[in-house]
Amino acid sequence: MIRSPLRPSHDSGQGIIEFALILLLIAIVVLAILLILGDDLRTFVFDLLNTWFPK
């Protein structure tokens, strides 16, 4: 099928939707990791910062 140059392509809209879905999936995975490792991660960062910048 030959596309007319006057008709807009829907490929760019599909690309934006796919990009948004990928970002949403990454956000859900990061949120799940933070919920699972939240306290351990906070303790690790706190200890690391205390090691680097002692009071």
Protein backbone atom coordinates (compact mmCIF):
# COMPACT_ATOMS: atom_id res chain seq x y z
CA MET A 1 0.00 0.00 0.00
CA ILE A 2 1.37 3.39 -0.97
CA ARG A 3 0.95 6.13 1.61
CA SER A 4 -0.05 9.57 0.50
CA PRO A 5 2.27 12.32 1.76
CA LEU A 6 -0.80 14.37 2.62
CA ARG A 7 -2.20 11.84 5.11
CA PRO A 8 -0.72 11.96 8.61
CA SER A 9 0.99 8.83 9.84
CA HIS A 10 -0.22 7.16 13.03
CA ASP A 11 3.18 5.59 13.63
CA SER A 12 4.41 8.49 15.75
CA GLY A 13 1.39 8.27 18.04
CA GLN A 14 1.94 4.56 18.45
CA GLY A 15 5.60 5.19 19.32
CA ILE A 16 4.65 7.70 22.01
CA ILE A 17 2.17 5.26 23.55
CA GLU A 18 4.73 2.46 23.54
CA PHE A 19 7.29 4.76 25.17
CA ALA A 20 4.77 5.76 27.86
CA LEU A 21 3.92 2.11 28.55
CA ILE A 22 7.61 1.22 28.91
CA LEU A 23 8.10 4.14 31.34
CA LEU A 24 5.05 3.00 33.31
CA LEU A 25 6.40 -0.55 33.52
CA ILE A 26 9.79 0.72 34.72
CA ALA A 27 8.08 2.90 37.36
CA ILE A 28 6.05 -0.07 38.62
CA VAL A 29 9.16 -2.26 38.86
CA VAL A 30 11.12 0.45 40.72
CA LEU A 31 8.20 1.00 43.11
CA ALA A 32 7.96 -2.73 43.81
CA ILE A 33 11.70 -2.92 44.52
CA LEU A 34 11.49 0.06 46.87
CA LEU A 35 8.53 -1.47 48.71
CA ILE A 36 10.35 -4.77 49.13
CA LEU A 37 13.78 -3.38 50.03
CA GLY A 38 12.73 -0.06 51.54
CA ASP A 39 14.01 -0.43 55.11
CA ASP A 40 17.18 -2.29 54.13
CA LEU A 41 17.95 0.24 51.42
CA ARG A 42 17.39 3.17 53.80
CA THR A 43 19.71 1.60 56.37
CA PHE A 44 22.36 0.95 53.71
CA VAL A 45 22.28 4.53 52.42
CA PHE A 46 22.30 5.95 55.95
CA ASP A 47 25.33 3.84 56.91
CA LEU A 48 27.11 4.70 53.67
CA LEU A 49 26.58 8.43 54.15
CA ASN A 50 27.76 8.20 57.77
CA THR A 51 30.91 6.46 56.55
CA TRP A 52 31.59 9.07 53.87
CA PHE A 53 30.62 12.09 55.97
CA PRO A 54 31.15 11.34 59.66
CA LYS A 55 29.73 13.84 62.16
